[in-house]
């Protein structure tokens, strides 16, 4: 599972290929979640509120990059790492 980014103890990754809808995975300690590409909702799993807010902000800033990596993942192409939150 390719790691896309890591910030504030949160690890973001994406499987190649993965099932719709378009999403990424976020892990924070023992918590994990599948998050929609736009970062608006958790599809499955759970994150602490503060961690989810950080993931939402990161996803908002990197919408185009996440969508491009989702498309690469579906084609089994290498994914491109994404910058973390500052």
PDB file of N, CA and C in Angstrom:
ATOM      1  N   UNK A   1       0.840  -1.165   0.000  1.00  0.00           N
ATOM      2  CA  UNK A   1       0.000   0.000   0.000  1.00  0.00           C
ATOM      3  C   UNK A   1       0.887   1.230   0.000  1.00  0.00           C
ATOM      4  N   UNK A   2       0.898   1.968  -1.081  1.00  0.00           N
ATOM      5  CA  UNK A   2       1.774   3.138  -1.196  1.00  0.00           C
ATOM      6  C   UNK A   2       1.389   4.272  -0.239  1.00  0.00           C
ATOM      7  N   UNK A   3       2.393   4.767   0.439  1.00  0.00           N
ATOM      8  CA  UNK A   3       2.222   5.895   1.355  1.00  0.00           C
ATOM      9  C   UNK A   3       2.310   7.182   0.531  1.00  0.00           C
ATOM     10  N   UNK A   4       1.304   8.029   0.670  1.00  0.00           N
ATOM     11  CA  UNK A   4       1.288   9.297  -0.055  1.00  0.00           C
ATOM     12  C   UNK A   4       1.871  10.432   0.755  1.00  0.00           C
ATOM     13  N   UNK A   5       1.660  10.391   2.085  1.00  0.00           N
ATOM     14  CA  UNK A   5       2.031  11.541   2.898  1.00  0.00           C
ATOM     15  C   UNK A   5       1.992  11.160   4.376  1.00  0.00           C
ATOM     16  N   UNK A   6       2.719  11.947   5.171  1.00  0.00           N
ATOM     17  CA  UNK A   6       2.653  11.794   6.627  1.00  0.00           C
ATOM     18  C   UNK A   6       2.817  13.174   7.254  1.00  0.00           C
ATOM     19  N   UNK A   7       1.933  13.495   8.197  1.00  0.00           N
ATOM     20  CA  UNK A   7       1.997  14.773   8.907  1.00  0.00           C
ATOM     21  C   UNK A   7       1.309  14.635  10.261  1.00  0.00           C
ATOM     22  N   UNK A   8       1.889  15.245  11.267  1.00  0.00           N
ATOM     23  CA  UNK A   8       1.332  15.273  12.630  1.00  0.00           C
ATOM     24  C   UNK A   8       0.912  13.896  13.127  1.00  0.00           C
ATOM     25  N   UNK A   9       1.661  12.871  12.763  1.00  0.00           N
ATOM     26  CA  UNK A   9       1.359  11.513  13.204  1.00  0.00           C
ATOM     27  C   UNK A   9       0.288  10.814  12.381  1.00  0.00           C
ATOM     28  N   UNK A  10      -0.212  11.467  11.347  1.00  0.00           N
ATOM     29  CA  UNK A  10      -1.235  10.893  10.464  1.00  0.00           C
ATOM     30  C   UNK A  10      -0.541  10.385   9.207  1.00  0.00           C
ATOM     31  N   UNK A  11      -0.829   9.156   8.835  1.00  0.00           N
ATOM     32  CA  UNK A  11      -0.265   8.572   7.620  1.00  0.00           C
ATOM     33  C   UNK A  11      -1.392   8.424   6.600  1.00  0.00           C
ATOM     34  N   UNK A  12      -1.137   8.913   5.388  1.00  0.00           N
ATOM     35  CA  UNK A  12      -2.114   8.835   4.299  1.00  0.00           C
ATOM     36  C   UNK A  12      -1.575   7.862   3.255  1.00  0.00           C
ATOM     37  N   UNK A  13      -2.434   6.941   2.830  1.00  0.00           N
ATOM     38  CA  UNK A  13      -2.017   5.983   1.809  1.00  0.00           C
ATOM     39  C   UNK A  13      -3.189   5.623   0.910  1.00  0.00           C
ATOM     40  N   UNK A  14      -2.881   4.937  -0.194  1.00  0.00           N
ATOM     41  CA  UNK A  14      -3.895   4.563  -1.163  1.00  0.00           C
ATOM     42  C   UNK A  14      -3.530   3.197  -1.732  1.00  0.00           C
ATOM     43  N   UNK A  15      -4.514   2.325  -1.812  1.00  0.00           N
ATOM     44  CA  UNK A  15      -4.303   1.008  -2.409  1.00  0.00           C
ATOM     45  C   UNK A  15      -4.340   1.106  -3.926  1.00  0.00           C
ATOM     46  N   UNK A  16      -3.678   0.127  -4.594  1.00  0.00           N
ATOM     47  CA  UNK A  16      -3.684   0.054  -6.060  1.00  0.00           C
ATOM     48  C   UNK A  16      -4.146  -1.322  -6.490  1.00  0.00           C
ATOM     49  N   UNK A  17      -5.208  -1.475  -7.231  1.00  0.00           N
ATOM     50  CA  UNK A  17      -6.355  -0.579  -7.329  1.00  0.00           C
ATOM     51  C   UNK A  17      -7.229  -0.746  -6.097  1.00  0.00           C
ATOM     52  N   UNK A  18      -8.225   0.094  -5.969  1.00  0.00           N
ATOM     53  CA  UNK A  18      -9.152   0.011  -4.842  1.00  0.00           C
ATOM     54  C   UNK A  18     -10.572   0.214  -5.368  1.00  0.00           C
ATOM     55  N   UNK A  19     -11.544  -0.135  -4.553  1.00  0.00           N
ATOM     56  CA  UNK A  19     -12.952  -0.079  -4.943  1.00  0.00           C
ATOM     57  C   UNK A  19     -13.480   1.358  -4.892  1.00  0.00           C
ATOM     58  N   UNK A  20     -14.487   1.681  -5.722  1.00  0.00           N
ATOM     59  CA  UNK A  20     -15.137   2.983  -5.633  1.00  0.00           C
ATOM     60  C   UNK A  20     -15.950   3.073  -4.338  1.00  0.00           C
ATOM     61  N   UNK A  21     -16.292   4.237  -3.896  1.00  0.00           N
ATOM     62  CA  UNK A  21     -15.993   5.541  -4.457  1.00  0.00           C
ATOM     63  C   UNK A  21     -14.529   5.915  -4.220  1.00  0.00           C
ATOM     64  N   UNK A  22     -14.066   6.925  -4.953  1.00  0.00           N
ATOM     65  CA  UNK A  22     -12.680   7.375  -4.832  1.00  0.00           C
ATOM     66  C   UNK A  22     -12.394   7.796  -3.389  1.00  0.00           C
ATOM     67  N   UNK A  23     -11.312   7.241  -2.831  1.00  0.00           N
ATOM     68  CA  UNK A  23     -10.996   7.526  -1.431  1.00  0.00           C
ATOM     69  C   UNK A  23      -9.520   7.268  -1.161  1.00  0.00           C
ATOM     70  N   UNK A  24      -9.093   7.694   0.013  1.00  0.00           N
ATOM     71  CA  UNK A  24      -7.763   7.374   0.500  1.00  0.00           C
ATOM     72  C   UNK A  24      -7.919   6.862   1.928  1.00  0.00           C
ATOM     73  N   UNK A  25      -6.851   6.323   2.471  1.00  0.00           N
ATOM     74  CA  UNK A  25      -6.868   5.775   3.816  1.00  0.00           C
ATOM     75  C   UNK A  25      -6.020   6.674   4.715  1.00  0.00           C
ATOM     76  N   UNK A  26      -6.512   6.907   5.919  1.00  0.00           N
ATOM     77  CA  UNK A  26      -5.779   7.709   6.902  1.00  0.00           C
ATOM     78  C   UNK A  26      -5.637   6.874   8.170  1.00  0.00           C
ATOM     79  N   UNK A  27      -4.435   6.874   8.741  1.00  0.00           N
ATOM     80  CA  UNK A  27      -4.171   6.137   9.969  1.00  0.00           C
ATOM     81  C   UNK A  27      -3.562   7.105  10.974  1.00  0.00           C
ATOM     82  N   UNK A  28      -4.095   7.067  12.181  1.00  0.00           N
ATOM     83  CA  UNK A  28      -3.584   7.906  13.264  1.00  0.00           C
ATOM     84  C   UNK A  28      -3.566   7.040  14.524  1.00  0.00           C
ATOM     85  N   UNK A  29      -2.368   6.628  14.943  1.00  0.00           N
ATOM     86  CA  UNK A  29      -2.272   5.708  16.082  1.00  0.00           C
ATOM     87  C   UNK A  29      -3.006   4.424  15.766  1.00  0.00           C
ATOM     88  N   UNK A  30      -3.925   4.028  16.652  1.00  0.00           N
ATOM     89  CA  UNK A  30      -4.703   2.806  16.425  1.00  0.00           C
ATOM     90  C   UNK A  30      -5.972   3.072  15.624  1.00  0.00           C
ATOM     91  N   UNK A  31      -6.205   4.313  15.245  1.00  0.00           N
ATOM     92  CA  UNK A  31      -7.403   4.685  14.492  1.00  0.00           C
ATOM     93  C   UNK A  31      -7.105   4.688  12.995  1.00  0.00           C
ATOM     94  N   UNK A  32      -8.115   4.362  12.206  1.00  0.00           N
ATOM     95  CA  UNK A  32      -7.968   4.386  10.755  1.00  0.00           C
ATOM     96  C   UNK A  32      -9.315   4.742  10.138  1.00  0.00           C
ATOM     97  N   UNK A  33      -9.278   5.233   8.919  1.00  0.00           N
ATOM     98  CA  UNK A  33     -10.513   5.559   8.208  1.00  0.00           C
ATOM     99  C   UNK A  33     -10.261   5.579   6.715  1.00  0.00           C
ATOM    100  N   UNK A  34     -11.313   5.259   5.972  1.00  0.00           N
ATOM    101  CA  UNK A  34     -11.351   5.500   4.533  1.00  0.00           C
ATOM    102  C   UNK A  34     -12.041   6.852   4.378  1.00  0.00           C
ATOM    103  N   UNK A  35     -11.389   7.779   3.692  1.00  0.00           N
ATOM    104  CA  UNK A  35     -11.892   9.140   3.573  1.00  0.00           C
ATOM    105  C   UNK A  35     -12.132   9.456   2.099  1.00  0.00           C
ATOM    106  N   UNK A  36     -13.259  10.102   1.806  1.00  0.00           N
ATOM    107  CA  UNK A  36     -13.555  10.492   0.427  1.00  0.00           C
ATOM    108  C   UNK A  36     -12.453  11.406  -0.094  1.00  0.00           C
ATOM    109  N   UNK A  37     -12.200  11.350  -1.388  1.00  0.00           N
ATOM    110  CA  UNK A  37     -11.118  12.129  -1.998  1.00  0.00           C
ATOM    111  C   UNK A  37     -11.244  13.612  -1.671  1.00  0.00           C
ATOM    112  N   UNK A  38     -12.458  14.127  -1.597  1.00  0.00           N
ATOM    113  CA  UNK A  38     -12.607  15.558  -1.283  1.00  0.00           C
ATOM    114  C   UNK A  38     -12.443  15.837   0.210  1.00  0.00           C
ATOM    115  N   UNK A  39     -12.310  14.781   1.013  1.00  0.00           N
ATOM    116  CA  UNK A  39     -12.079  14.938   2.442  1.00  0.00           C
ATOM    117  C   UNK A  39     -13.318  15.289   3.236  1.00  0.00           C
ATOM    118  N   UNK A  40     -14.469  15.303   2.585  1.00  0.00           N
ATOM    119  CA  UNK A  40     -15.679  15.751   3.268  1.00  0.00           C
ATOM    120  C   UNK A  40     -16.270  14.728   4.224  1.00  0.00           C
ATOM    121  N   UNK A  41     -15.978  13.443   3.994  1.00  0.00           N
ATOM    122  CA  UNK A  41     -16.622  12.440   4.836  1.00  0.00           C
ATOM    123  C   UNK A  41     -15.755  11.199   5.014  1.00  0.00           C
ATOM    124  N   UNK A  42     -16.022  10.518   6.118  1.00  0.00           N
ATOM    125  CA  UNK A  42     -15.416   9.217   6.383  1.00  0.00           C
ATOM    126  C   UNK A  42     -16.354   8.162   5.825  1.00  0.00           C
ATOM    127  N   UNK A  43     -15.831   7.329   4.956  1.00  0.00           N
ATOM    128  CA  UNK A  43     -16.619   6.262   4.337  1.00  0.00           C
ATOM    129  C   UNK A  43     -16.725   5.070   5.285  1.00  0.00           C
ATOM    130  N   UNK A  44     -15.615   4.771   5.935  1.00  0.00           N
ATOM    131  CA  UNK A  44     -15.570   3.648   6.881  1.00  0.00           C
ATOM    132  C   UNK A  44     -14.482   3.938   7.895  1.00  0.00           C
ATOM    133  N   UNK A  45     -14.646   3.432   9.109  1.00  0.00           N
ATOM    134  CA  UNK A  45     -13.656   3.616  10.146  1.00  0.00           C
ATOM    135  C   UNK A  45     -13.933   4.857  10.982  1.00  0.00           C
ATOM    136  N   UNK A  46     -12.908   5.290  11.711  1.00  0.00           N
ATOM    137  CA  UNK A  46     -13.090   6.420  12.619  1.00  0.00           C
ATOM    138  C   UNK A  46     -11.742   7.060  12.929  1.00  0.00           C
ATOM    139  N   UNK A  47     -11.736   8.380  13.031  1.00  0.00           N
ATOM    140  CA  UNK A  47     -10.564   9.139  13.455  1.00  0.00           C
ATOM    141  C   UNK A  47     -10.994  10.084  14.569  1.00  0.00           C
ATOM    142  N   UNK A  48     -10.084  10.410  15.485  1.00  0.00           N
ATOM    143  CA  UNK A  48     -10.408  11.447  16.463  1.00  0.00           C
ATOM    144  C   UNK A  48     -10.739  12.752  15.723  1.00  0.00           C
ATOM    145  N   UNK A  49     -11.588  13.570  16.320  1.00  0.00           N
ATOM    146  CA  UNK A  49     -12.070  14.794  15.657  1.00  0.00           C
ATOM    147  C   UNK A  49     -10.927  15.684  15.185  1.00  0.00           C
ATOM    148  N   UNK A  50      -9.926  15.909  16.016  1.00  0.00           N
ATOM    149  CA  UNK A  50      -8.812  16.788  15.628  1.00  0.00           C
ATOM    150  C   UNK A  50      -8.053  16.217  14.436  1.00  0.00           C
ATOM    151  N   UNK A  51      -7.796  14.917  14.446  1.00  0.00           N
ATOM    152  CA  UNK A  51      -7.093  14.273  13.333  1.00  0.00           C
ATOM    153  C   UNK A  51      -7.925  14.376  12.057  1.00  0.00           C
ATOM    154  N   UNK A  52      -9.238  14.172  12.160  1.00  0.00           N
ATOM    155  CA  UNK A  52     -10.080  14.260  10.970  1.00  0.00           C
ATOM    156  C   UNK A  52     -10.094  15.678  10.414  1.00  0.00           C
ATOM    157  N   UNK A  53     -10.110  16.692  11.267  1.00  0.00           N
ATOM    158  CA  UNK A  53     -10.056  18.079  10.785  1.00  0.00           C
ATOM    159  C   UNK A  53      -8.754  18.346  10.023  1.00  0.00           C
ATOM    160  N   UNK A  54      -7.639  17.808  10.527  1.00  0.00           N
ATOM    161  CA  UNK A  54      -6.368  17.966   9.825  1.00  0.00           C
ATOM    162  C   UNK A  54      -6.393  17.252   8.475  1.00  0.00           C
ATOM    163  N   UNK A  55      -6.960  16.066   8.432  1.00  0.00           N
ATOM    164  CA  UNK A  55      -7.078  15.307   7.179  1.00  0.00           C
ATOM    165  C   UNK A  55      -7.961  16.074   6.199  1.00  0.00           C
ATOM    166  N   UNK A  56      -9.068  16.646   6.677  1.00  0.00           N
ATOM    167  CA  UNK A  56      -9.945  17.425   5.809  1.00  0.00           C
ATOM    168  C   UNK A  56      -9.206  18.618   5.208  1.00  0.00           C
ATOM    169  N   UNK A  57      -8.460  19.334   6.021  1.00  0.00           N
ATOM    170  CA  UNK A  57      -7.712  20.495   5.540  1.00  0.00           C
ATOM    171  C   UNK A  57      -6.677  20.071   4.497  1.00  0.00           C
ATOM    172  N   UNK A  58      -5.944  18.998   4.784  1.00  0.00           N
ATOM    173  CA  UNK A  58      -4.949  18.487   3.848  1.00  0.00           C
ATOM    174  C   UNK A  58      -5.608  18.094   2.523  1.00  0.00           C
ATOM    175  N   UNK A  59      -6.725  17.355   2.585  1.00  0.00           N
ATOM    176  CA  UNK A  59      -7.413  16.912   1.368  1.00  0.00           C
ATOM    177  C   UNK A  59      -7.923  18.109   0.567  1.00  0.00           C
ATOM    178  N   UNK A  60      -8.427  19.129   1.247  1.00  0.00           N
ATOM    179  CA  UNK A  60      -8.915  20.326   0.560  1.00  0.00           C
ATOM    180  C   UNK A  60      -7.784  20.993  -0.229  1.00  0.00           C
ATOM    181  N   UNK A  61      -6.594  21.029   0.352  1.00  0.00           N
ATOM    182  CA  UNK A  61      -5.449  21.658  -0.291  1.00  0.00           C
ATOM    183  C   UNK A  61      -4.891  20.847  -1.460  1.00  0.00           C
ATOM    184  N   UNK A  62      -5.162  19.540  -1.458  1.00  0.00           N
ATOM    185  CA  UNK A  62      -4.525  18.647  -2.446  1.00  0.00           C
ATOM    186  C   UNK A  62      -5.540  17.853  -3.268  1.00  0.00           C
ATOM    187  N   UNK A  63      -6.709  18.451  -3.525  1.00  0.00           N
ATOM    188  CA  UNK A  63      -7.766  17.774  -4.280  1.00  0.00           C
ATOM    189  C   UNK A  63      -7.284  17.216  -5.619  1.00  0.00           C
ATOM    190  N   UNK A  64      -6.651  18.062  -6.413  1.00  0.00           N
ATOM    191  CA  UNK A  64      -6.235  17.639  -7.757  1.00  0.00           C
ATOM    192  C   UNK A  64      -5.200  16.521  -7.690  1.00  0.00           C
ATOM    193  N   UNK A  65      -4.269  16.631  -6.756  1.00  0.00           N
ATOM    194  CA  UNK A  65      -3.229  15.607  -6.623  1.00  0.00           C
ATOM    195  C   UNK A  65      -3.819  14.271  -6.169  1.00  0.00           C
ATOM    196  N   UNK A  66      -4.783  14.326  -5.251  1.00  0.00           N
ATOM    197  CA  UNK A  66      -5.446  13.100  -4.794  1.00  0.00           C
ATOM    198  C   UNK A  66      -6.219  12.439  -5.932  1.00  0.00           C
ATOM    199  N   UNK A  67      -6.948  13.242  -6.701  1.00  0.00           N
ATOM    200  CA  UNK A  67      -7.711  12.690  -7.825  1.00  0.00           C
ATOM    201  C   UNK A  67      -6.772  12.057  -8.856  1.00  0.00           C
ATOM    202  N   UNK A  68      -5.643  12.726  -9.122  1.00  0.00           N
ATOM    203  CA  UNK A  68      -4.680  12.179 -10.080  1.00  0.00           C
ATOM    204  C   UNK A  68      -4.083  10.867  -9.563  1.00  0.00           C
ATOM    205  N   UNK A  69      -3.759  10.810  -8.272  1.00  0.00           N
ATOM    206  CA  UNK A  69      -3.223   9.561  -7.710  1.00  0.00           C
ATOM    207  C   UNK A  69      -4.275   8.455  -7.724  1.00  0.00           C
ATOM    208  N   UNK A  70      -5.550   8.800  -7.502  1.00  0.00           N
ATOM    209  CA  UNK A  70      -6.613   7.787  -7.575  1.00  0.00           C
ATOM    210  C   UNK A  70      -6.635   7.168  -8.979  1.00  0.00           C
ATOM    211  N   UNK A  71      -6.562   8.016  -9.999  1.00  0.00           N
ATOM    212  CA  UNK A  71      -6.555   7.514 -11.376  1.00  0.00           C
ATOM    213  C   UNK A  71      -5.324   6.658 -11.641  1.00  0.00           C
ATOM    214  N   UNK A  72      -4.167   7.076 -11.166  1.00  0.00           N
ATOM    215  CA  UNK A  72      -2.948   6.272 -11.314  1.00  0.00           C
ATOM    216  C   UNK A  72      -3.116   4.914 -10.625  1.00  0.00           C
ATOM    217  N   UNK A  73      -3.689   4.933  -9.427  1.00  0.00           N
ATOM    218  CA  UNK A  73      -3.873   3.688  -8.668  1.00  0.00           C
ATOM    219  C   UNK A  73      -4.749   2.702  -9.436  1.00  0.00           C
ATOM    220  N   UNK A  74      -5.797   3.203 -10.075  1.00  0.00           N
ATOM    221  CA  UNK A  74      -6.695   2.325 -10.816  1.00  0.00           C
ATOM    222  C   UNK A  74      -6.006   1.717 -12.035  1.00  0.00           C
ATOM    223  N   UNK A  75      -5.000   2.419 -12.569  1.00  0.00           N
ATOM    224  CA  UNK A  75      -4.234   1.913 -13.719  1.00  0.00           C
ATOM    225  C   UNK A  75      -2.990   1.140 -13.276  1.00  0.00           C
ATOM    226  N   UNK A  76      -2.833   0.947 -11.959  1.00  0.00           N
ATOM    227  CA  UNK A  76      -1.692   0.248 -11.372  1.00  0.00           C
ATOM    228  C   UNK A  76      -0.371   0.951 -11.670  1.00  0.00           C
ATOM    229  N   UNK A  77      -0.417   2.255 -11.817  1.00  0.00           N
ATOM    230  CA  UNK A  77       0.789   3.057 -12.039  1.00  0.00           C
ATOM    231  C   UNK A  77       1.349   3.525 -10.702  1.00  0.00           C
ATOM    232  N   UNK A  78       2.620   3.878 -10.658  1.00  0.00           N
ATOM    233  CA  UNK A  78       3.186   4.405  -9.417  1.00  0.00           C
ATOM    234  C   UNK A  78       2.480   5.689  -8.983  1.00  0.00           C
ATOM    235  N   UNK A  79       2.279   5.822  -7.672  1.00  0.00           N
ATOM    236  CA  UNK A  79       1.628   7.014  -7.143  1.00  0.00           C
ATOM    237  C   UNK A  79       2.677   8.079  -6.830  1.00  0.00           C
ATOM    238  N   UNK A  80       2.245   9.315  -6.864  1.00  0.00           N
ATOM    239  CA  UNK A  80       3.137  10.448  -6.614  1.00  0.00           C
ATOM    240  C   UNK A  80       2.896  10.943  -5.193  1.00  0.00           C
ATOM    241  N   UNK A  81       3.956  11.022  -4.375  1.00  0.00           N
ATOM    242  CA  UNK A  81       3.798  11.529  -3.006  1.00  0.00           C
ATOM    243  C   UNK A  81       3.225  12.949  -3.025  1.00  0.00           C
ATOM    244  N   UNK A  82       2.525  13.304  -1.952  1.00  0.00           N
ATOM    245  CA  UNK A  82       1.892  14.612  -1.816  1.00  0.00           C
ATOM    246  C   UNK A  82       2.479  15.297  -0.592  1.00  0.00           C
ATOM    247  N   UNK A  83       2.699  16.598  -0.701  1.00  0.00           N
ATOM    248  CA  UNK A  83       3.279  17.375   0.400  1.00  0.00           C
ATOM    249  C   UNK A  83       2.388  17.330   1.642  1.00  0.00           C
ATOM    250  N   UNK A  84       3.002  17.351   2.823  1.00  0.00           N
ATOM    251  CA  UNK A  84       2.232  17.356   4.080  1.00  0.00           C
ATOM    252  C   UNK A  84       1.721  18.756   4.409  1.00  0.00           C
ATOM    253  N   UNK A  85       0.913  18.825   5.432  1.00  0.00           N
ATOM    254  CA  UNK A  85       0.544  20.127   5.987  1.00  0.00           C
ATOM    255  C   UNK A  85       1.797  20.749   6.581  1.00  0.00           C
ATOM    256  N   UNK A  86       1.896  22.072   6.550  1.00  0.00           N
ATOM    257  CA  UNK A  86       3.092  22.729   7.136  1.00  0.00           C
ATOM    258  C   UNK A  86       3.121  22.599   8.656  1.00  0.00           C
TER     259      UNK A  86
END
